[in-house]
Amino acid sequence: MNHKEVEEYILSMPDAWLDYPFGEGVAVYKIGERMFALIAEGKDPVQISLKCDPTLAKVLRERYETVMPGQHLNKKHWNTILLSGQLPNNEVEDLIRHSYLLATDAVK
């Protein structure tokens, strides 16, 4: 998935919006005021950071070399994923949805 495809999927989530609170180098996607996805601008492959259940985060890191603890984020609750093709697009979309749902639960 390229940046545009990932961004279109993220912004298809109800009430998701794009912000740049850390400057133009990091696209931050939010629901309300809660972050659920970050993309480092201009990286190839795309690097996306997503909220994740801590148990699932650990499993994903053990299974895939392209899934790492969240860069500059709480490493227990965030993963950074290199979209190099190791994870199928549908699994990336599932993880984006998972992150979004974690953030929406926190908003309620």
PDB file of N, CA and C in Angstrom:
ATOM      1  N   MET A   1       0.850  -1.181   0.000  1.00  0.00           N
ATOM      2  CA  MET A   1       0.000   0.000   0.000  1.00  0.00           C
ATOM      3  C   MET A   1       0.894   1.243   0.000  1.00  0.00           C
ATOM      4  N   ASN A   2       0.515   2.206  -0.791  1.00  0.00           N
ATOM      5  CA  ASN A   2       1.269   3.455  -0.775  1.00  0.00           C
ATOM      6  C   ASN A   2       0.599   4.444   0.194  1.00  0.00           C
ATOM      7  N   HIS A   3       1.239   5.578   0.391  1.00  0.00           N
ATOM      8  CA  HIS A   3       0.750   6.563   1.359  1.00  0.00           C
ATOM      9  C   HIS A   3      -0.687   6.992   1.034  1.00  0.00           C
ATOM     10  N   LYS A   4      -0.957   7.275  -0.234  1.00  0.00           N
ATOM     11  CA  LYS A   4      -2.288   7.747  -0.624  1.00  0.00           C
ATOM     12  C   LYS A   4      -3.354   6.696  -0.320  1.00  0.00           C
ATOM     13  N   GLU A   5      -3.077   5.442  -0.652  1.00  0.00           N
ATOM     14  CA  GLU A   5      -4.043   4.362  -0.396  1.00  0.00           C
ATOM     15  C   GLU A   5      -4.303   4.195   1.102  1.00  0.00           C
ATOM     16  N   VAL A   6      -3.235   4.242   1.891  1.00  0.00           N
ATOM     17  CA  VAL A   6      -3.379   4.105   3.346  1.00  0.00           C
ATOM     18  C   VAL A   6      -4.182   5.282   3.898  1.00  0.00           C
ATOM     19  N   GLU A   7      -3.838   6.482   3.453  1.00  0.00           N
ATOM     20  CA  GLU A   7      -4.536   7.671   3.947  1.00  0.00           C
ATOM     21  C   GLU A   7      -6.017   7.637   3.576  1.00  0.00           C
ATOM     22  N   GLU A   8      -6.332   7.238   2.358  1.00  0.00           N
ATOM     23  CA  GLU A   8      -7.738   7.153   1.958  1.00  0.00           C
ATOM     24  C   GLU A   8      -8.496   6.168   2.844  1.00  0.00           C
ATOM     25  N   TYR A   9      -7.867   5.040   3.163  1.00  0.00           N
ATOM     26  CA  TYR A   9      -8.521   4.059   4.028  1.00  0.00           C
ATOM     27  C   TYR A   9      -8.722   4.634   5.435  1.00  0.00           C
ATOM     28  N   ILE A  10      -7.688   5.250   5.976  1.00  0.00           N
ATOM     29  CA  ILE A  10      -7.779   5.834   7.320  1.00  0.00           C
ATOM     30  C   ILE A  10      -8.897   6.876   7.378  1.00  0.00           C
ATOM     31  N   LEU A  11      -8.925   7.760   6.396  1.00  0.00           N
ATOM     32  CA  LEU A  11      -9.911   8.846   6.416  1.00  0.00           C
ATOM     33  C   LEU A  11     -11.317   8.381   6.059  1.00  0.00           C
ATOM     34  N   SER A  12     -11.461   7.107   5.656  1.00  0.00           N
ATOM     35  CA  SER A  12     -12.796   6.557   5.426  1.00  0.00           C
ATOM     36  C   SER A  12     -13.475   6.164   6.739  1.00  0.00           C
ATOM     37  N   MET A  13     -12.718   6.142   7.827  1.00  0.00           N
ATOM     38  CA  MET A  13     -13.287   5.836   9.144  1.00  0.00           C
ATOM     39  C   MET A  13     -14.169   7.013   9.578  1.00  0.00           C
ATOM     40  N   PRO A  14     -15.327   6.733  10.168  1.00  0.00           N
ATOM     41  CA  PRO A  14     -16.219   7.823  10.592  1.00  0.00           C
ATOM     42  C   PRO A  14     -15.515   8.829  11.509  1.00  0.00           C
ATOM     43  N   ASP A  15     -15.630  10.097  11.153  1.00  0.00           N
ATOM     44  CA  ASP A  15     -15.111  11.226  11.941  1.00  0.00           C
ATOM     45  C   ASP A  15     -13.593  11.257  12.059  1.00  0.00           C
ATOM     46  N   ALA A  16     -12.874  10.481  11.258  1.00  0.00           N
ATOM     47  CA  ALA A  16     -11.402  10.542  11.265  1.00  0.00           C
ATOM     48  C   ALA A  16     -10.968  11.816  10.548  1.00  0.00           C
ATOM     49  N   TRP A  17      -9.905  12.409  11.044  1.00  0.00           N
ATOM     50  CA  TRP A  17      -9.390  13.627  10.426  1.00  0.00           C
ATOM     51  C   TRP A  17      -7.876  13.675  10.531  1.00  0.00           C
ATOM     52  N   LEU A  18      -7.272  14.478   9.665  1.00  0.00           N
ATOM     53  CA  LEU A  18      -5.821  14.595   9.556  1.00  0.00           C
ATOM     54  C   LEU A  18      -5.342  15.854  10.253  1.00  0.00           C
ATOM     55  N   ASP A  19      -4.232  15.728  10.987  1.00  0.00           N
ATOM     56  CA  ASP A  19      -3.647  16.855  11.711  1.00  0.00           C
ATOM     57  C   ASP A  19      -2.129  16.762  11.575  1.00  0.00           C
ATOM     58  N   TYR A  20      -1.451  17.860  11.825  1.00  0.00           N
ATOM     59  CA  TYR A  20       0.012  17.898  11.815  1.00  0.00           C
ATOM     60  C   TYR A  20       0.529  18.566  13.100  1.00  0.00           C
ATOM     61  N   PRO A  21       0.224  18.000  14.278  1.00  0.00           N
ATOM     62  CA  PRO A  21       0.650  18.641  15.528  1.00  0.00           C
ATOM     63  C   PRO A  21       2.165  18.601  15.756  1.00  0.00           C
ATOM     64  N   PHE A  22       2.867  17.722  15.067  1.00  0.00           N
ATOM     65  CA  PHE A  22       4.314  17.590  15.240  1.00  0.00           C
ATOM     66  C   PHE A  22       5.088  18.194  14.073  1.00  0.00           C
ATOM     67  N   GLY A  23       4.416  18.943  13.223  1.00  0.00           N
ATOM     68  CA  GLY A  23       5.047  19.515  12.043  1.00  0.00           C
ATOM     69  C   GLY A  23       4.684  18.720  10.801  1.00  0.00           C
ATOM     70  N   GLU A  24       5.145  19.220   9.657  1.00  0.00           N
ATOM     71  CA  GLU A  24       4.755  18.636   8.380  1.00  0.00           C
ATOM     72  C   GLU A  24       5.360  17.272   8.105  1.00  0.00           C
ATOM     73  N   GLY A  25       6.298  16.806   8.885  1.00  0.00           N
ATOM     74  CA  GLY A  25       6.945  15.526   8.640  1.00  0.00           C
ATOM     75  C   GLY A  25       6.164  14.315   9.112  1.00  0.00           C
ATOM     76  N   VAL A  26       5.107  14.548   9.921  1.00  0.00           N
ATOM     77  CA  VAL A  26       4.339  13.420  10.461  1.00  0.00           C
ATOM     78  C   VAL A  26       2.847  13.708  10.332  1.00  0.00           C
ATOM     79  N   ALA A  27       2.183  12.901   9.519  1.00  0.00           N
ATOM     80  CA  ALA A  27       0.728  12.996   9.383  1.00  0.00           C
ATOM     81  C   ALA A  27       0.103  12.234  10.542  1.00  0.00           C
ATOM     82  N   VAL A  28      -0.766  12.906  11.288  1.00  0.00           N
ATOM     83  CA  VAL A  28      -1.410  12.303  12.460  1.00  0.00           C
ATOM     84  C   VAL A  28      -2.911  12.229  12.186  1.00  0.00           C
ATOM     85  N   TYR A  29      -3.452  11.034  12.351  1.00  0.00           N
ATOM     86  CA  TYR A  29      -4.871  10.796  12.102  1.00  0.00           C
ATOM     87  C   TYR A  29      -5.556  10.594  13.443  1.00  0.00           C
ATOM     88  N   LYS A  30      -6.686  11.302  13.601  1.00  0.00           N
ATOM     89  CA  LYS A  30      -7.355  11.338  14.895  1.00  0.00           C
ATOM     90  C   LYS A  30      -8.838  11.039  14.762  1.00  0.00           C
ATOM     91  N   ILE A  31      -9.389  10.610  15.889  1.00  0.00           N
ATOM     92  CA  ILE A  31     -10.828  10.550  16.099  1.00  0.00           C
ATOM     93  C   ILE A  31     -11.046  11.415  17.334  1.00  0.00           C
ATOM     94  N   GLY A  32     -11.805  12.473  17.188  1.00  0.00           N
ATOM     95  CA  GLY A  32     -11.862  13.464  18.260  1.00  0.00           C
ATOM     96  C   GLY A  32     -10.475  14.063  18.413  1.00  0.00           C
ATOM     97  N   GLU A  33      -9.963  14.060  19.619  1.00  0.00           N
ATOM     98  CA  GLU A  33      -8.606  14.551  19.858  1.00  0.00           C
ATOM     99  C   GLU A  33      -7.610  13.413  20.073  1.00  0.00           C
ATOM    100  N   ARG A  34      -8.050  12.164  19.903  1.00  0.00           N
ATOM    101  CA  ARG A  34      -7.199  11.000  20.154  1.00  0.00           C
ATOM    102  C   ARG A  34      -6.548  10.512  18.870  1.00  0.00           C
ATOM    103  N   MET A  35      -5.235  10.338  18.920  1.00  0.00           N
ATOM    104  CA  MET A  35      -4.496   9.806  17.781  1.00  0.00           C
ATOM    105  C   MET A  35      -4.754   8.310  17.655  1.00  0.00           C
ATOM    106  N   PHE A  36      -4.854   7.838  16.408  1.00  0.00           N
ATOM    107  CA  PHE A  36      -4.925   6.392  16.207  1.00  0.00           C
ATOM    108  C   PHE A  36      -3.989   5.913  15.103  1.00  0.00           C
ATOM    109  N   ALA A  37      -3.414   6.846  14.347  1.00  0.00           N
ATOM    110  CA  ALA A  37      -2.456   6.462  13.309  1.00  0.00           C
ATOM    111  C   ALA A  37      -1.534   7.635  13.019  1.00  0.00           C
ATOM    112  N   LEU A  38      -0.275   7.309  12.748  1.00  0.00           N
ATOM    113  CA  LEU A  38       0.703   8.310  12.344  1.00  0.00           C
ATOM    114  C   LEU A  38       1.470   7.751  11.154  1.00  0.00           C
ATOM    115  N   ILE A  39       1.717   8.603  10.171  1.00  0.00           N
ATOM    116  CA  ILE A  39       2.522   8.196   9.018  1.00  0.00           C
ATOM    117  C   ILE A  39       3.670   9.180   8.865  1.00  0.00           C
ATOM    118  N   ALA A  40       4.888   8.645   8.797  1.00  0.00           N
ATOM    119  CA  ALA A  40       6.068   9.471   8.537  1.00  0.00           C
ATOM    120  C   ALA A  40       6.030   9.865   7.064  1.00  0.00           C
ATOM    121  N   GLU A  41       5.989  11.166   6.790  1.00  0.00           N
ATOM    122  CA  GLU A  41       5.895  11.659   5.410  1.00  0.00           C
ATOM    123  C   GLU A  41       7.177  11.352   4.637  1.00  0.00           C
ATOM    124  N   GLY A  42       7.019  10.993   3.372  1.00  0.00           N
ATOM    125  CA  GLY A  42       8.148  10.823   2.467  1.00  0.00           C
ATOM    126  C   GLY A  42       8.978   9.570   2.658  1.00  0.00           C
ATOM    127  N   LYS A  43       8.511   8.614   3.423  1.00  0.00           N
ATOM    128  CA  LYS A  43       9.258   7.368   3.654  1.00  0.00           C
ATOM    129  C   LYS A  43       8.841   6.310   2.639  1.00  0.00           C
ATOM    130  N   ASP A  44       9.813   5.541   2.176  1.00  0.00           N
ATOM    131  CA  ASP A  44       9.550   4.429   1.274  1.00  0.00           C
ATOM    132  C   ASP A  44      10.363   3.241   1.745  1.00  0.00           C
ATOM    133  N   PRO A  45       9.723   2.178   2.246  1.00  0.00           N
ATOM    134  CA  PRO A  45       8.272   1.982   2.271  1.00  0.00           C
ATOM    135  C   PRO A  45       7.599   2.862   3.322  1.00  0.00           C
ATOM    136  N   VAL A  46       6.281   2.970   3.186  1.00  0.00           N
ATOM    137  CA  VAL A  46       5.478   3.742   4.133  1.00  0.00           C
ATOM    138  C   VAL A  46       5.690   3.178   5.536  1.00  0.00           C
ATOM    139  N   GLN A  47       5.832   4.080   6.508  1.00  0.00           N
ATOM    140  CA  GLN A  47       5.937   3.696   7.924  1.00  0.00           C
ATOM    141  C   GLN A  47       4.711   4.243   8.634  1.00  0.00           C
ATOM    142  N   ILE A  48       3.911   3.338   9.172  1.00  0.00           N
ATOM    143  CA  ILE A  48       2.693   3.734   9.877  1.00  0.00           C
ATOM    144  C   ILE A  48       2.771   3.234  11.314  1.00  0.00           C
ATOM    145  N   SER A  49       2.389   4.092  12.240  1.00  0.00           N
ATOM    146  CA  SER A  49       2.312   3.710  13.653  1.00  0.00           C
ATOM    147  C   SER A  49       0.851   3.642  14.039  1.00  0.00           C
ATOM    148  N   LEU A  50       0.493   2.544  14.723  1.00  0.00           N
ATOM    149  CA  LEU A  50      -0.897   2.286  15.094  1.00  0.00           C
ATOM    150  C   LEU A  50      -1.003   1.852  16.541  1.00  0.00           C
ATOM    151  N   LYS A  51      -2.088   2.294  17.198  1.00  0.00           N
ATOM    152  CA  LYS A  51      -2.392   1.780  18.533  1.00  0.00           C
ATOM    153  C   LYS A  51      -2.668   0.289  18.409  1.00  0.00           C
ATOM    154  N   CYS A  52      -2.376  -0.455  19.476  1.00  0.00           N
ATOM    155  CA  CYS A  52      -2.581  -1.899  19.409  1.00  0.00           C
ATOM    156  C   CYS A  52      -2.731  -2.456  20.817  1.00  0.00           C
ATOM    157  N   ASP A  53      -3.600  -3.424  20.956  1.00  0.00           N
ATOM    158  CA  ASP A  53      -3.698  -4.158  22.210  1.00  0.00           C
ATOM    159  C   ASP A  53      -2.314  -4.713  22.535  1.00  0.00           C
ATOM    160  N   PRO A  54      -1.825  -4.553  23.770  1.00  0.00           N
ATOM    161  CA  PRO A  54      -0.466  -4.977  24.104  1.00  0.00           C
ATOM    162  C   PRO A  54      -0.155  -6.446  23.800  1.00  0.00           C
ATOM    163  N   THR A  55      -1.105  -7.337  24.027  1.00  0.00           N
ATOM    164  CA  THR A  55      -0.861  -8.753  23.745  1.00  0.00           C
ATOM    165  C   THR A  55      -0.727  -8.988  22.244  1.00  0.00           C
ATOM    166  N   LEU A  56      -1.612  -8.402  21.468  1.00  0.00           N
ATOM    167  CA  LEU A  56      -1.538  -8.519  20.014  1.00  0.00           C
ATOM    168  C   LEU A  56      -0.263  -7.855  19.489  1.00  0.00           C
ATOM    169  N   ALA A  57       0.101  -6.707  20.058  1.00  0.00           N
ATOM    170  CA  ALA A  57       1.317  -6.006  19.620  1.00  0.00           C
ATOM    171  C   ALA A  57       2.531  -6.917  19.729  1.00  0.00           C
ATOM    172  N   LYS A  58       2.626  -7.622  20.834  1.00  0.00           N
ATOM    173  CA  LYS A  58       3.761  -8.524  21.053  1.00  0.00           C
ATOM    174  C   LYS A  58       3.759  -9.670  20.041  1.00  0.00           C
ATOM    175  N   VAL A  59       2.593 -10.256  19.799  1.00  0.00           N
ATOM    176  CA  VAL A  59       2.476 -11.355  18.828  1.00  0.00           C
ATOM    177  C   VAL A  59       2.905 -10.883  17.441  1.00  0.00           C
ATOM    178  N   LEU A  60       2.436  -9.715  17.036  1.00  0.00           N
ATOM    179  CA  LEU A  60       2.782  -9.192  15.707  1.00  0.00           C
ATOM    180  C   LEU A  60       4.279  -8.943  15.574  1.00  0.00           C
ATOM    181  N   ARG A  61       4.892  -8.410  16.621  1.00  0.00           N
ATOM    182  CA  ARG A  61       6.343  -8.149  16.588  1.00  0.00           C
ATOM    183  C   ARG A  61       7.140  -9.438  16.477  1.00  0.00           C
ATOM    184  N   GLU A  62       6.651 -10.487  17.129  1.00  0.00           N
ATOM    185  CA  GLU A  62       7.346 -11.775  17.067  1.00  0.00           C
ATOM    186  C   GLU A  62       7.162 -12.439  15.702  1.00  0.00           C
ATOM    187  N   ARG A  63       6.032 -12.220  15.074  1.00  0.00           N
ATOM    188  CA  ARG A  63       5.698 -12.880  13.810  1.00  0.00           C
ATOM    189  C   ARG A  63       6.303 -12.174  12.592  1.00  0.00           C
ATOM    190  N   TYR A  64       6.358 -10.835  12.628  1.00  0.00           N
ATOM    191  CA  TYR A  64       6.781 -10.064  11.452  1.00  0.00           C
ATOM    192  C   TYR A  64       7.972  -9.166  11.782  1.00  0.00           C
ATOM    193  N   GLU A  65       9.008  -9.235  10.959  1.00  0.00           N
ATOM    194  CA  GLU A  65      10.169  -8.374  11.181  1.00  0.00           C
ATOM    195  C   GLU A  65       9.870  -6.919  10.833  1.00  0.00           C
ATOM    196  N   THR A  66       8.808  -6.678  10.070  1.00  0.00           N
ATOM    197  CA  THR A  66       8.450  -5.306   9.697  1.00  0.00           C
ATOM    198  C   THR A  66       7.513  -4.641  10.713  1.00  0.00           C
ATOM    199  N   VAL A  67       7.215  -5.321  11.806  1.00  0.00           N
ATOM    200  CA  VAL A  67       6.411  -4.748  12.892  1.00  0.00           C
ATOM    201  C   VAL A  67       7.329  -4.559  14.090  1.00  0.00           C
ATOM    202  N   MET A  68       7.444  -3.304  14.526  1.00  0.00           N
ATOM    203  CA  MET A  68       8.365  -2.940  15.610  1.00  0.00           C
ATOM    204  C   MET A  68       7.633  -2.129  16.675  1.00  0.00           C
ATOM    205  N   PRO A  69       8.224  -2.023  17.854  1.00  0.00           N
ATOM    206  CA  PRO A  69       7.617  -1.140  18.852  1.00  0.00           C
ATOM    207  C   PRO A  69       7.465   0.272  18.287  1.00  0.00           C
ATOM    208  N   GLY A  70       6.421   0.959  18.676  1.00  0.00           N
ATOM    209  CA  GLY A  70       6.129   2.294  18.157  1.00  0.00           C
ATOM    210  C   GLY A  70       7.280   3.265  18.327  1.00  0.00           C
ATOM    211  N   GLN A  71       7.692   3.875  17.238  1.00  0.00           N
ATOM    212  CA  GLN A  71       8.779   4.856  17.283  1.00  0.00           C
ATOM    213  C   GLN A  71       8.269   6.146  17.904  1.00  0.00           C
ATOM    214  N   HIS A  72       8.945   6.612  18.954  1.00  0.00           N
ATOM    215  CA  HIS A  72       8.603   7.853  19.662  1.00  0.00           C
ATOM    216  C   HIS A  72       7.221   7.795  20.311  1.00  0.00           C
ATOM    217  N   LEU A  73       6.749   6.574  20.600  1.00  0.00           N
ATOM    218  CA  LEU A  73       5.423   6.378  21.199  1.00  0.00           C
ATOM    219  C   LEU A  73       5.535   5.366  22.331  1.00  0.00           C
ATOM    220  N   ASN A  74       4.461   5.201  23.103  1.00  0.00           N
ATOM    221  CA  ASN A  74       4.427   4.194  24.157  1.00  0.00           C
ATOM    222  C   ASN A  74       4.558   2.816  23.514  1.00  0.00           C
ATOM    223  N   LYS A  75       5.672   2.168  23.743  1.00  0.00           N
ATOM    224  CA  LYS A  75       5.991   0.926  23.054  1.00  0.00           C
ATOM    225  C   LYS A  75       5.102  -0.243  23.465  1.00  0.00           C
ATOM    226  N   LYS A  76       4.420  -0.116  24.580  1.00  0.00           N
ATOM    227  CA  LYS A  76       3.493  -1.166  24.999  1.00  0.00           C
ATOM    228  C   LYS A  76       2.206  -1.124  24.166  1.00  0.00           C
ATOM    229  N   HIS A  77       1.789   0.070  23.792  1.00  0.00           N
ATOM    230  CA  HIS A  77       0.485   0.252  23.148  1.00  0.00           C
ATOM    231  C   HIS A  77       0.541   0.657  21.678  1.00  0.00           C
ATOM    232  N   TRP A  78       1.727   0.811  21.116  1.00  0.00           N
ATOM    233  CA  TRP A  78       1.859   1.256  19.722  1.00  0.00           C
ATOM    234  C   TRP A  78       2.863   0.386  18.979  1.00  0.00           C
ATOM    235  N   ASN A  79       2.561   0.106  17.715  1.00  0.00           N
ATOM    236  CA  ASN A  79       3.484  -0.559  16.800  1.00  0.00           C
ATOM    237  C   ASN A  79       3.766   0.364  15.623  1.00  0.00           C
ATOM    238  N   THR A  80       4.987   0.309  15.109  1.00  0.00           N
ATOM    239  CA  THR A  80       5.317   0.948  13.843  1.00  0.00           C
ATOM    240  C   THR A  80       5.504  -0.171  12.830  1.00  0.00           C
ATOM    241  N   ILE A  81       4.835  -0.049  11.699  1.00  0.00           N
ATOM    242  CA  ILE A  81       4.828  -1.092  10.677  1.00  0.00           C
ATOM    243  C   ILE A  81       5.388  -0.530   9.381  1.00  0.00           C
ATOM    244  N   LEU A  82       6.354  -1.233   8.810  1.00  0.00           N
ATOM    245  CA  LEU A  82       6.868  -0.889   7.489  1.00  0.00           C
ATOM    246  C   LEU A  82       5.995  -1.598   6.468  1.00  0.00           C
ATOM    247  N   LEU A  83       5.375  -0.857   5.586  1.00  0.00           N
ATOM    248  CA  LEU A  83       4.466  -1.447   4.607  1.00  0.00           C
ATOM    249  C   LEU A  83       5.266  -1.892   3.378  1.00  0.00           C
ATOM    250  N   SER A  84       6.038  -2.943   3.579  1.00  0.00           N
ATOM    251  CA  SER A  84       6.921  -3.470   2.541  1.00  0.00           C
ATOM    252  C   SER A  84       6.284  -4.626   1.784  1.00  0.00           C
ATOM    253  N   GLY A  85       5.088  -5.042   2.189  1.00  0.00           N
ATOM    254  CA  GLY A  85       4.422  -6.165   1.554  1.00  0.00           C
ATOM    255  C   GLY A  85       4.436  -7.424   2.407  1.00  0.00           C
ATOM    256  N   GLN A  86       5.202  -7.416   3.510  1.00  0.00           N
ATOM    257  CA  GLN A  86       5.232  -8.602   4.370  1.00  0.00           C
ATOM    258  C   GLN A  86       3.846  -8.861   4.962  1.00  0.00           C
ATOM    259  N   LEU A  87       3.160  -7.811   5.389  1.00  0.00           N
ATOM    260  CA  LEU A  87       1.779  -7.943   5.862  1.00  0.00           C
ATOM    261  C   LEU A  87       0.853  -7.691   4.681  1.00  0.00           C
ATOM    262  N   PRO A  88      -0.092  -8.580   4.437  1.00  0.00           N
ATOM    263  CA  PRO A  88      -1.048  -8.353   3.343  1.00  0.00           C
ATOM    264  C   PRO A  88      -1.883  -7.092   3.608  1.00  0.00           C
ATOM    265  N   ASN A  89      -2.336  -6.445   2.539  1.00  0.00           N
ATOM    266  CA  ASN A  89      -3.110  -5.209   2.672  1.00  0.00           C
ATOM    267  C   ASN A  89      -4.322  -5.372   3.572  1.00  0.00           C
ATOM    268  N   ASN A  90      -5.007  -6.515   3.484  1.00  0.00           N
ATOM    269  CA  ASN A  90      -6.200  -6.694   4.320  1.00  0.00           C
ATOM    270  C   ASN A  90      -5.833  -6.757   5.806  1.00  0.00           C
ATOM    271  N   GLU A  91      -4.656  -7.288   6.131  1.00  0.00           N
ATOM    272  CA  GLU A  91      -4.225  -7.311   7.525  1.00  0.00           C
ATOM    273  C   GLU A  91      -3.842  -5.905   7.996  1.00  0.00           C
ATOM    274  N   VAL A  92      -3.215  -5.128   7.132  1.00  0.00           N
ATOM    275  CA  VAL A  92      -2.902  -3.732   7.465  1.00  0.00           C
ATOM    276  C   VAL A  92      -4.209  -2.984   7.732  1.00  0.00           C
ATOM    277  N   GLU A  93      -5.204  -3.181   6.871  1.00  0.00           N
ATOM    278  CA  GLU A  93      -6.501  -2.528   7.077  1.00  0.00           C
ATOM    279  C   GLU A  93      -7.142  -2.971   8.388  1.00  0.00           C
ATOM    280  N   ASP A  94      -7.033  -4.253   8.722  1.00  0.00           N
ATOM    281  CA  ASP A  94      -7.564  -4.746  10.004  1.00  0.00           C
ATOM    282  C   ASP A  94      -6.882  -4.063  11.177  1.00  0.00           C
ATOM    283  N   LEU A  95      -5.570  -3.864  11.088  1.00  0.00           N
ATOM    284  CA  LEU A  95      -4.830  -3.220  12.181  1.00  0.00           C
ATOM    285  C   LEU A  95      -5.172  -1.737  12.288  1.00  0.00           C
ATOM    286  N   ILE A  96      -5.411  -1.097  11.156  1.00  0.00           N
ATOM    287  CA  ILE A  96      -5.859   0.302  11.189  1.00  0.00           C
ATOM    288  C   ILE A  96      -7.220   0.384  11.878  1.00  0.00           C
ATOM    289  N   ARG A  97      -8.134  -0.502  11.499  1.00  0.00           N
ATOM    290  CA  ARG A  97      -9.475  -0.528  12.110  1.00  0.00           C
ATOM    291  C   ARG A  97      -9.374  -0.813  13.614  1.00  0.00           C
ATOM    292  N   HIS A  98      -8.505  -1.750  14.004  1.00  0.00           N
ATOM    293  CA  HIS A  98      -8.273  -2.077  15.417  1.00  0.00           C
ATOM    294  C   HIS A  98      -7.809  -0.832  16.175  1.00  0.00           C
ATOM    295  N   SER A  99      -6.864  -0.112  15.605  1.00  0.00           N
ATOM    296  CA  SER A  99      -6.354   1.100  16.238  1.00  0.00           C
ATOM    297  C   SER A  99      -7.460   2.146  16.375  1.00  0.00           C
ATOM    298  N   TYR A 100      -8.222   2.330  15.327  1.00  0.00           N
ATOM    299  CA  TYR A 100      -9.333   3.268  15.331  1.00  0.00           C
ATOM    300  C   TYR A 100     -10.336   2.923  16.432  1.00  0.00           C
ATOM    301  N   LEU A 101     -10.682   1.639  16.530  1.00  0.00           N
ATOM    302  CA  LEU A 101     -11.655   1.207  17.549  1.00  0.00           C
ATOM    303  C   LEU A 101     -11.106   1.404  18.961  1.00  0.00           C
ATOM    304  N   LEU A 102      -9.813   1.169  19.164  1.00  0.00           N
ATOM    305  CA  LEU A 102      -9.211   1.436  20.478  1.00  0.00           C
ATOM    306  C   LEU A 102      -9.347   2.915  20.823  1.00  0.00           C
ATOM    307  N   ALA A 103      -9.118   3.775  19.857  1.00  0.00           N
ATOM    308  CA  ALA A 103      -9.218   5.227  20.099  1.00  0.00           C
ATOM    309  C   ALA A 103     -10.662   5.649  20.315  1.00  0.00           C
ATOM    310  N   THR A 104     -11.613   5.041  19.596  1.00  0.00           N
ATOM    311  CA  THR A 104     -13.014   5.432  19.780  1.00  0.00           C
ATOM    312  C   THR A 104     -13.525   4.991  21.134  1.00  0.00           C
ATOM    313  N   ASP A 105     -13.067   3.836  21.618  1.00  0.00           N
ATOM    314  CA  ASP A 105     -13.455   3.390  22.966  1.00  0.00           C
ATOM    315  C   ASP A 105     -12.952   4.362  24.014  1.00  0.00           C
ATOM    316  N   ALA A 106     -11.770   4.918  23.793  1.00  0.00           N
ATOM    317  CA  ALA A 106     -11.196   5.869  24.740  1.00  0.00           C
ATOM    318  C   ALA A 106     -11.934   7.212  24.697  1.00  0.00           C
ATOM    319  N   VAL A 107     -12.543   7.520  23.552  1.00  0.00           N
ATOM    320  CA  VAL A 107     -13.259   8.796  23.398  1.00  0.00           C
ATOM    321  C   VAL A 107     -14.580   8.770  24.157  1.00  0.00           C
ATOM    322  N   LYS A 108     -15.221   7.605  24.209  1.00  0.00           N
ATOM    323  CA  LYS A 108     -16.532   7.493  24.838  1.00  0.00           C
ATOM    324  C   LYS A 108     -16.487   7.738  26.330  1.00  0.00           C
TER     325      LYS A 108
END
